Amino acid sequence: MNTYIIIGIGFGILLFLIFKRSIFRKESNSGFKRSIESNALMNDEKMKMIVNELLKKGKKIEAIKYIHKSGNVGLSEAKEFVEKIELMNRSGSNTVSDYAENIYADPVSEDNSLLNSKIKALITSGHKINAIKLVVEEKKIGLAEAKDYVERIDTDLQNGKI
């Protein structure tokens, strides 16, 4: 009889440990809700203006706190929003789609010829990671965007377009 009680308690503890993460963690309902909140934030010109002012003063954390409190979103969503605004400011665009068009514009252009020649040299010598680092530093963009940029040049090299 005692062994059944011990096995039952052990099983109960095991189930608790398995499910405690989902029981005690506060989660948003879904990714769909997050994208709706993000789009609503992007359409709020007052919030964008305040975030821009805080970013100009070098107060990124305060901007994230402001969005977190007044936008009624989680910290990760607030951080994501502030980083989008920051990226748009760097690229000189007014919307996220303008920013994406600037980033993914044809890499083989007159403006980027020196950078592209350095990237080609790094790629052909087998230093693709260094090429990505160079793009991050030169273009002031994130790793994912830099990787895509280098991949496009690499693809063009392999297809003989360059």
N, C-alpha and C. Protein backbone atom coordinates (compact mmCIF):
# COMPACT_ATOMS: atom_id res chain seq x y z
N MET A 1 0.82 -1.20 0.00
CA MET A 1 0.00 0.00 0.00
C MET A 1 0.86 1.26 0.00
N ASN A 2 1.91 1.26 0.80
CA ASN A 2 2.80 2.43 0.88
C ASN A 2 3.51 2.69 -0.45
N THR A 3 3.84 1.64 -1.18
CA THR A 3 4.52 1.83 -2.46
C THR A 3 3.61 2.51 -3.47
N TYR A 4 2.31 2.21 -3.44
CA TYR A 4 1.38 2.87 -4.34
C TYR A 4 1.26 4.36 -4.02
N ILE A 5 1.28 4.69 -2.78
CA ILE A 5 1.22 6.11 -2.36
C ILE A 5 2.48 6.82 -2.83
N ILE A 6 3.62 6.21 -2.63
CA ILE A 6 4.89 6.83 -3.06
C ILE A 6 4.94 6.97 -4.57
N ILE A 7 4.48 5.96 -5.30
CA ILE A 7 4.45 6.04 -6.76
C ILE A 7 3.49 7.14 -7.21
N GLY A 8 2.34 7.26 -6.56
CA GLY A 8 1.37 8.30 -6.88
C GLY A 8 1.91 9.69 -6.63
N ILE A 9 2.57 9.87 -5.50
CA ILE A 9 3.18 11.18 -5.19
C ILE A 9 4.28 11.49 -6.20
N GLY A 10 5.10 10.49 -6.51
CA GLY A 10 6.17 10.69 -7.50
C GLY A 10 5.62 11.06 -8.86
N PHE A 11 4.55 10.37 -9.26
CA PHE A 11 3.92 10.68 -10.54
C PHE A 11 3.33 12.09 -10.54
N GLY A 12 2.71 12.47 -9.43
CA GLY A 12 2.15 13.82 -9.31
C GLY A 12 3.24 14.88 -9.40
N ILE A 13 4.36 14.66 -8.74
CA ILE A 13 5.47 15.61 -8.80
C ILE A 13 6.03 15.69 -10.21
N LEU A 14 6.14 14.55 -10.87
CA LEU A 14 6.64 14.52 -12.24
C LEU A 14 5.74 15.34 -13.16
N LEU A 15 4.44 15.13 -13.07
CA LEU A 15 3.49 15.91 -13.88
C LEU A 15 3.58 17.39 -13.57
N PHE A 16 3.71 17.73 -12.30
CA PHE A 16 3.84 19.13 -11.91
C PHE A 16 5.07 19.75 -12.55
N LEU A 17 6.19 19.05 -12.48
CA LEU A 17 7.42 19.58 -13.05
C LEU A 17 7.33 19.74 -14.56
N ILE A 18 6.64 18.84 -15.20
CA ILE A 18 6.49 18.92 -16.65
C ILE A 18 5.64 20.13 -17.04
N PHE A 19 4.54 20.35 -16.32
CA PHE A 19 3.59 21.39 -16.71
C PHE A 19 3.74 22.71 -15.97
N LYS A 20 4.65 22.81 -15.01
CA LYS A 20 4.75 24.05 -14.24
C LYS A 20 5.15 25.24 -15.09
N ARG A 21 5.94 25.00 -16.12
CA ARG A 21 6.38 26.09 -16.97
C ARG A 21 5.19 26.77 -17.64
N SER A 22 4.27 25.99 -18.15
CA SER A 22 3.11 26.58 -18.81
C SER A 22 2.07 27.09 -17.81
N ILE A 23 2.05 26.55 -16.61
CA ILE A 23 1.08 26.99 -15.61
C ILE A 23 1.45 28.37 -15.06
N PHE A 24 2.73 28.57 -14.77
CA PHE A 24 3.15 29.80 -14.10
C PHE A 24 3.63 30.89 -15.05
N ARG A 25 3.80 30.60 -16.30
CA ARG A 25 4.28 31.59 -17.25
C ARG A 25 3.12 32.36 -17.82
N LYS A 26 3.24 33.67 -17.83
CA LYS A 26 2.20 34.52 -18.40
C LYS A 26 2.53 34.72 -19.87
N GLU A 27 1.68 34.23 -20.75
CA GLU A 27 1.93 34.31 -22.18
C GLU A 27 0.83 35.10 -22.85
N SER A 28 1.19 35.67 -24.03
CA SER A 28 0.15 36.30 -24.82
C SER A 28 -0.65 35.19 -25.50
N ASN A 29 -1.83 35.52 -25.95
CA ASN A 29 -2.73 34.51 -26.50
C ASN A 29 -2.17 33.84 -27.74
N SER A 30 -1.60 34.62 -28.65
CA SER A 30 -1.08 34.02 -29.87
C SER A 30 -0.17 35.00 -30.58
N GLY A 31 0.53 34.49 -31.59
CA GLY A 31 1.37 35.35 -32.42
C GLY A 31 0.54 36.32 -33.21
N PHE A 32 -0.71 35.92 -33.54
CA PHE A 32 -1.60 36.81 -34.28
C PHE A 32 -1.90 38.07 -33.48
N LYS A 33 -2.16 37.89 -32.17
CA LYS A 33 -2.43 39.04 -31.32
C LYS A 33 -1.22 39.96 -31.27
N ARG A 34 -0.02 39.37 -31.19
CA ARG A 34 1.20 40.17 -31.13
C ARG A 34 1.35 40.99 -32.40
N SER A 35 1.06 40.41 -33.58
CA SER A 35 1.23 41.15 -34.82
C SER A 35 0.21 42.28 -34.92
N ILE A 36 -0.99 42.05 -34.39
CA ILE A 36 -2.00 43.12 -34.39
C ILE A 36 -1.52 44.27 -33.51
N GLU A 37 -1.00 43.95 -32.30
CA GLU A 37 -0.51 44.99 -31.42
C GLU A 37 0.65 45.74 -32.04
N SER A 38 1.55 45.03 -32.71
CA SER A 38 2.70 45.65 -33.34
C SER A 38 2.25 46.59 -34.45
N ASN A 39 1.28 46.14 -35.27
CA ASN A 39 0.78 47.00 -36.34
C ASN A 39 0.07 48.22 -35.78
N ALA A 40 -0.67 48.05 -34.69
CA ALA A 40 -1.34 49.19 -34.07
C ALA A 40 -0.32 50.20 -33.57
N LEU A 41 0.76 49.71 -32.98
CA LEU A 41 1.81 50.61 -32.51
C LEU A 41 2.44 51.37 -33.67
N MET A 42 2.69 50.67 -34.78
CA MET A 42 3.33 51.31 -35.93
C MET A 42 2.45 52.39 -36.53
N ASN A 43 1.15 52.31 -36.33
CA ASN A 43 0.23 53.32 -36.85
C ASN A 43 0.03 54.48 -35.91
N ASP A 44 0.56 54.40 -34.70
CA ASP A 44 0.39 55.46 -33.72
C ASP A 44 1.54 56.48 -33.87
N GLU A 45 1.23 57.59 -34.53
CA GLU A 45 2.26 58.59 -34.83
C GLU A 45 2.81 59.25 -33.57
N LYS A 46 1.96 59.45 -32.56
CA LYS A 46 2.43 60.08 -31.32
C LYS A 46 3.50 59.22 -30.66
N MET A 47 3.26 57.90 -30.59
CA MET A 47 4.24 57.01 -29.98
C MET A 47 5.54 57.00 -30.78
N LYS A 48 5.42 56.97 -32.11
CA LYS A 48 6.62 56.98 -32.94
C LYS A 48 7.42 58.26 -32.74
N MET A 49 6.72 59.38 -32.60
CA MET A 49 7.39 60.66 -32.41
C MET A 49 8.13 60.69 -31.06
N ILE A 50 7.48 60.22 -30.02
CA ILE A 50 8.10 60.19 -28.70
C ILE A 50 9.30 59.26 -28.69
N VAL A 51 9.16 58.10 -29.32
CA VAL A 51 10.28 57.15 -29.39
C VAL A 51 11.43 57.76 -30.17
N ASN A 52 11.13 58.44 -31.27
CA ASN A 52 12.19 59.11 -32.04
C ASN A 52 12.95 60.11 -31.19
N GLU A 53 12.22 60.90 -30.42
CA GLU A 53 12.88 61.89 -29.56
C GLU A 53 13.76 61.23 -28.51
N LEU A 54 13.26 60.16 -27.90
CA LEU A 54 14.06 59.45 -26.89
C LEU A 54 15.29 58.81 -27.53
N LEU A 55 15.14 58.26 -28.72
CA LEU A 55 16.28 57.65 -29.40
C LEU A 55 17.33 58.69 -29.78
N LYS A 56 16.88 59.87 -30.20
CA LYS A 56 17.83 60.95 -30.53
C LYS A 56 18.66 61.34 -29.32
N LYS A 57 18.06 61.24 -28.14
CA LYS A 57 18.76 61.57 -26.90
C LYS A 57 19.58 60.39 -26.37
N GLY A 58 19.52 59.25 -27.07
CA GLY A 58 20.26 58.07 -26.64
C GLY A 58 19.60 57.33 -25.49
N LYS A 59 18.30 57.46 -25.36
CA LYS A 59 17.56 56.83 -24.26
C LYS A 59 16.69 55.70 -24.78
N LYS A 60 17.32 54.66 -25.28
CA LYS A 60 16.60 53.53 -25.86
C LYS A 60 15.80 52.79 -24.79
N ILE A 61 16.38 52.58 -23.63
CA ILE A 61 15.69 51.84 -22.57
C ILE A 61 14.45 52.60 -22.11
N GLU A 62 14.56 53.92 -21.99
CA GLU A 62 13.39 54.72 -21.61
C GLU A 62 12.30 54.63 -22.67
N ALA A 63 12.71 54.58 -23.94
CA ALA A 63 11.73 54.45 -25.02
C ALA A 63 11.00 53.10 -24.92
N ILE A 64 11.75 52.05 -24.61
CA ILE A 64 11.12 50.73 -24.46
C ILE A 64 10.17 50.73 -23.28
N LYS A 65 10.57 51.35 -22.17
CA LYS A 65 9.69 51.43 -21.00
C LYS A 65 8.42 52.20 -21.33
N TYR A 66 8.57 53.30 -22.06
CA TYR A 66 7.41 54.12 -22.42
C TYR A 66 6.41 53.31 -23.25
N ILE A 67 6.92 52.59 -24.26
CA ILE A 67 6.04 51.79 -25.11
C ILE A 67 5.41 50.67 -24.30
N HIS A 68 6.19 50.06 -23.40
CA HIS A 68 5.67 48.97 -22.56
C HIS A 68 4.50 49.45 -21.72
N LYS A 69 4.64 50.62 -21.11
CA LYS A 69 3.58 51.12 -20.24
C LYS A 69 2.40 51.71 -21.02
N SER A 70 2.68 52.59 -21.95
CA SER A 70 1.58 53.29 -22.62
C SER A 70 0.99 52.48 -23.78
N GLY A 71 1.75 51.56 -24.35
CA GLY A 71 1.25 50.75 -25.45
C GLY A 71 0.56 49.50 -24.99
N ASN A 72 0.63 49.22 -23.68
CA ASN A 72 0.00 48.04 -23.10
C ASN A 72 0.45 46.75 -23.81
N VAL A 73 1.78 46.65 -24.01
CA VAL A 73 2.37 45.46 -24.62
C VAL A 73 3.49 44.95 -23.73
N GLY A 74 3.94 43.74 -23.98
CA GLY A 74 5.04 43.16 -23.22
C GLY A 74 6.36 43.85 -23.54
N LEU A 75 7.35 43.58 -22.73
CA LEU A 75 8.66 44.18 -22.93
C LEU A 75 9.28 43.76 -24.26
N SER A 76 9.13 42.51 -24.63
CA SER A 76 9.73 42.06 -25.88
C SER A 76 9.08 42.75 -27.09
N GLU A 77 7.77 42.93 -27.05
CA GLU A 77 7.09 43.64 -28.13
C GLU A 77 7.50 45.11 -28.16
N ALA A 78 7.65 45.71 -26.98
CA ALA A 78 8.07 47.11 -26.91
C ALA A 78 9.48 47.27 -27.47
N LYS A 79 10.36 46.34 -27.10
CA LYS A 79 11.74 46.38 -27.60
C LYS A 79 11.75 46.22 -29.12
N GLU A 80 10.96 45.30 -29.62
CA GLU A 80 10.88 45.07 -31.06
C GLU A 80 10.40 46.33 -31.79
N PHE A 81 9.39 46.99 -31.22
CA PHE A 81 8.86 48.21 -31.82
C PHE A 81 9.93 49.29 -31.86
N VAL A 82 10.62 49.50 -30.74
CA VAL A 82 11.65 50.55 -30.67
C VAL A 82 12.78 50.24 -31.65
N GLU A 83 13.15 48.98 -31.78
CA GLU A 83 14.21 48.62 -32.72
C GLU A 83 13.78 48.84 -34.16
N LYS A 84 12.51 48.62 -34.47
CA LYS A 84 12.01 48.90 -35.82
C LYS A 84 12.12 50.39 -36.12
N ILE A 85 11.73 51.21 -35.15
CA ILE A 85 11.82 52.66 -35.33
C ILE A 85 13.28 53.07 -35.50
N GLU A 86 14.15 52.47 -34.71
CA GLU A 86 15.58 52.77 -34.79
C GLU A 86 16.14 52.41 -36.17
N LEU A 87 15.76 51.26 -36.69
CA LEU A 87 16.21 50.84 -38.01
C LEU A 87 15.68 51.76 -39.11
N MET A 88 14.43 52.16 -38.96
CA MET A 88 13.84 53.06 -39.95
C MET A 88 14.57 54.41 -39.92
N ASN A 89 14.96 54.87 -38.74
CA ASN A 89 15.70 56.13 -38.64
C ASN A 89 17.05 56.03 -39.32
N ARG A 90 17.73 54.90 -39.12
CA ARG A 90 19.04 54.71 -39.74
C ARG A 90 18.96 54.70 -41.25
N SER A 91 17.89 54.11 -41.77
CA SER A 91 17.79 53.98 -43.22
C SER A 91 17.18 55.23 -43.86
N GLY A 92 16.63 56.13 -43.05
CA GLY A 92 16.03 57.34 -43.58
C GLY A 92 14.66 57.13 -44.19
N SER A 93 13.98 56.04 -43.83
CA SER A 93 12.67 55.76 -44.39
C SER A 93 11.59 56.04 -43.35
N ASN A 94 10.37 56.18 -43.83
CA ASN A 94 9.25 56.50 -42.95
C ASN A 94 8.44 55.29 -42.55
N THR A 95 8.53 54.22 -43.31
CA THR A 95 7.74 53.03 -43.00
C THR A 95 8.63 51.80 -43.02
N VAL A 96 8.13 50.74 -42.44
CA VAL A 96 8.89 49.49 -42.41
C VAL A 96 9.10 48.97 -43.83
N SER A 97 8.10 49.10 -44.69
CA SER A 97 8.25 48.60 -46.06
C SER A 97 9.29 49.41 -46.83
N ASP A 98 9.36 50.74 -46.61
CA ASP A 98 10.42 51.54 -47.23
C ASP A 98 11.78 51.05 -46.77
N TYR A 99 11.88 50.75 -45.47
CA TYR A 99 13.15 50.26 -44.93
C TYR A 99 13.54 48.95 -45.59
N ALA A 100 12.58 48.05 -45.73
CA ALA A 100 12.87 46.75 -46.35
C ALA A 100 13.30 46.95 -47.79
N GLU A 101 12.67 47.87 -48.50
CA GLU A 101 13.07 48.12 -49.89
C GLU A 101 14.50 48.64 -49.96
N ASN A 102 14.89 49.51 -49.02
CA ASN A 102 16.25 50.03 -49.00
C ASN A 102 17.26 48.94 -48.71
N ILE A 103 16.94 48.06 -47.78
CA ILE A 103 17.88 47.00 -47.39
C ILE A 103 18.05 46.00 -48.52
N TYR A 104 16.94 45.62 -49.15
CA TYR A 104 16.99 44.56 -50.14
C TYR A 104 17.07 45.09 -51.56
N ALA A 105 17.48 46.32 -51.70
CA ALA A 105 17.69 46.85 -53.04
C ALA A 105 18.84 46.07 -53.68
N ASP A 106 18.94 46.19 -54.98
CA ASP A 106 19.96 45.43 -55.69
C ASP A 106 21.34 45.74 -55.13
N PRO A 107 22.03 44.72 -54.60
CA PRO A 107 23.33 44.97 -53.99
C PRO A 107 24.37 45.42 -54.99
N VAL A 108 24.17 45.09 -56.26
CA VAL A 108 25.15 45.47 -57.27
C VAL A 108 24.76 46.82 -57.83
N SER A 109 25.09 47.87 -57.12
CA SER A 109 24.78 49.22 -57.57
C SER A 109 26.02 50.08 -57.46
N GLU A 110 25.95 51.24 -58.03
CA GLU A 110 27.10 52.15 -58.02
C GLU A 110 27.49 52.55 -56.60
N ASP A 111 26.48 52.77 -55.72
CA ASP A 111 26.74 53.23 -54.36
C ASP A 111 27.56 52.22 -53.55
N ASN A 112 27.39 50.96 -53.85
CA ASN A 112 28.00 49.91 -53.05
C ASN A 112 29.17 49.22 -53.74
N SER A 113 29.72 49.80 -54.79
CA SER A 113 30.72 49.08 -55.58
C SER A 113 31.97 48.74 -54.77
N LEU A 114 32.48 49.65 -53.94
CA LEU A 114 33.66 49.36 -53.14
C LEU A 114 33.36 48.30 -52.10
N LEU A 115 32.22 48.46 -51.41
CA LEU A 115 31.82 47.47 -50.42
C LEU A 115 31.61 46.11 -51.08
N ASN A 116 30.95 46.10 -52.23
CA ASN A 116 30.68 44.84 -52.91
C ASN A 116 31.96 44.15 -53.36
N SER A 117 32.95 44.92 -53.79
CA SER A 117 34.21 44.29 -54.21
C SER A 117 34.92 43.66 -53.01
N LYS A 118 34.83 44.30 -51.85
CA LYS A 118 35.40 43.71 -50.64
C LYS A 118 34.65 42.42 -50.27
N ILE A 119 33.33 42.47 -50.39
CA ILE A 119 32.51 41.30 -50.06
C ILE A 119 32.83 40.15 -51.01
N LYS A 120 32.93 40.45 -52.31
CA LYS A 120 33.26 39.40 -53.28
C LYS A 120 34.59 38.76 -52.95
N ALA A 121 35.57 39.58 -52.60
CA ALA A 121 36.89 39.04 -52.27
C ALA A 121 36.82 38.13 -51.04
N LEU A 122 36.06 38.56 -50.04
CA LEU A 122 35.92 37.74 -48.83
C LEU A 122 35.18 36.43 -49.12
N ILE A 123 34.14 36.50 -49.93
CA ILE A 123 33.37 35.30 -50.26
C ILE A 123 34.23 34.31 -51.03
N THR A 124 34.94 34.80 -52.05
CA THR A 124 35.74 33.89 -52.87
C THR A 124 36.91 33.29 -52.10
N SER A 125 37.36 33.98 -51.05
CA SER A 125 38.45 33.43 -50.24
C SER A 125 37.91 32.58 -49.08
N GLY A 126 36.59 32.40 -49.03
CA GLY A 126 36.00 31.52 -48.02
C GLY A 126 35.75 32.17 -46.67
N HIS A 127 35.64 33.49 -46.65
CA HIS A 127 35.43 34.22 -45.40
C HIS A 127 34.07 34.92 -45.41
N LYS A 128 33.01 34.12 -45.57
CA LYS A 128 31.66 34.68 -45.66
C LYS A 128 31.25 35.37 -44.35
N ILE A 129 31.65 34.82 -43.22
CA ILE A 129 31.31 35.43 -41.93
C ILE A 129 31.93 36.81 -41.80
N ASN A 130 33.17 36.94 -42.25
CA ASN A 130 33.82 38.25 -42.21
C ASN A 130 33.12 39.24 -43.15
N ALA A 131 32.61 38.73 -44.27
CA ALA A 131 31.86 39.59 -45.19
C ALA A 131 30.59 40.09 -44.52
N ILE A 132 29.92 39.21 -43.79
CA ILE A 132 28.70 39.62 -43.07
C ILE A 132 29.03 40.67 -42.02
N LYS A 133 30.11 40.46 -41.28
CA LYS A 133 30.53 41.45 -40.28
C LYS A 133 30.82 42.80 -40.93
N LEU A 134 31.47 42.76 -42.08
CA LEU A 134 31.78 44.00 -42.79
C LEU A 134 30.50 44.74 -43.18
N VAL A 135 29.51 44.01 -43.67
CA VAL A 135 28.24 44.63 -44.07
C VAL A 135 27.54 45.23 -42.86
N VAL A 136 27.57 44.53 -41.73
CA VAL A 136 26.94 45.06 -40.51
C VAL A 136 27.59 46.39 -40.13
N GLU A 137 28.91 46.43 -40.17
CA GLU A 137 29.62 47.65 -39.78
C GLU A 137 29.42 48.78 -40.78
N GLU A 138 29.49 48.47 -42.07
CA GLU A 138 29.42 49.50 -43.09
C GLU A 138 28.01 50.05 -43.30
N LYS A 139 27.04 49.16 -43.35
CA LYS A 139 25.67 49.58 -43.65
C LYS A 139 24.84 49.85 -42.41
N LYS A 140 25.39 49.52 -41.22
CA LYS A 140 24.68 49.74 -39.96
C LYS A 140 23.33 49.03 -39.95
N ILE A 141 23.35 47.74 -40.29
CA ILE A 141 22.13 46.93 -40.29
C ILE A 141 22.35 45.72 -39.40
N GLY A 142 21.29 44.97 -39.14
CA GLY A 142 21.36 43.79 -38.29
C GLY A 142 22.00 42.61 -39.00
N LEU A 143 22.31 41.59 -38.21
CA LEU A 143 22.98 40.40 -38.75
C LEU A 143 22.15 39.69 -39.82
N ALA A 144 20.86 39.56 -39.57
CA ALA A 144 20.00 38.85 -40.53
C ALA A 144 19.99 39.57 -41.88
N GLU A 145 19.85 40.89 -41.84
CA GLU A 145 19.83 41.66 -43.08
C GLU A 145 21.18 41.58 -43.78
N ALA A 146 22.26 41.65 -43.00
CA ALA A 146 23.61 41.57 -43.57
C ALA A 146 23.84 40.20 -44.21
N LYS A 147 23.37 39.16 -43.53
CA LYS A 147 23.52 37.80 -44.07
C LYS A 147 22.77 37.68 -45.40
N ASP A 148 21.54 38.21 -45.46
CA ASP A 148 20.77 38.16 -46.70
C ASP A 148 21.49 38.92 -47.82
N TYR A 149 22.06 40.06 -47.47
CA TYR A 149 22.79 40.89 -48.43
C TYR A 149 23.97 40.11 -49.02
N VAL A 150 24.76 39.50 -48.14
CA VAL A 150 25.92 38.73 -48.58
C VAL A 150 25.48 37.50 -49.38
N GLU A 151 24.39 36.86 -48.95
CA GLU A 151 23.88 35.70 -49.68
C GLU A 151 23.46 36.07 -51.10
N ARG A 152 22.87 37.24 -51.26
CA ARG A 152 22.46 37.67 -52.61
C ARG A 152 23.68 37.87 -53.50
N ILE A 153 24.73 38.46 -52.94
CA ILE A 153 25.94 38.66 -53.72
C ILE A 153 26.58 37.30 -54.04
N ASP A 154 26.59 36.41 -53.07
CA ASP A 154 27.15 35.07 -53.27
C ASP A 154 26.38 34.32 -54.37
N THR A 155 25.06 34.42 -54.33
CA THR A 155 24.22 33.78 -55.36
C THR A 155 24.52 34.36 -56.72
N ASP A 156 24.65 35.68 -56.80
CA ASP A 156 24.98 36.31 -58.08
C ASP A 156 26.35 35.87 -58.57
N LEU A 157 27.29 35.72 -57.66
CA LEU A 157 28.62 35.22 -58.04
C LEU A 157 28.54 33.81 -58.60
N GLN A 158 27.78 32.96 -57.94
CA GLN A 158 27.67 31.57 -58.38
C GLN A 158 26.93 31.44 -59.70
N ASN A 159 25.98 32.33 -59.94
CA ASN A 159 25.22 32.28 -61.19
C ASN A 159 25.89 33.03 -62.33
N GLY A 160 27.03 33.67 -62.03
CA GLY A 160 27.78 34.38 -63.06
C GLY A 160 27.21 35.74 -63.41
N LYS A 161 26.35 36.27 -62.58
CA LYS A 161 25.77 37.59 -62.85
C LYS A 161 26.77 38.71 -62.53
N ILE A 162 27.74 38.40 -61.69
CA ILE A 162 28.73 39.42 -61.30
C ILE A 162 30.06 39.02 -61.87
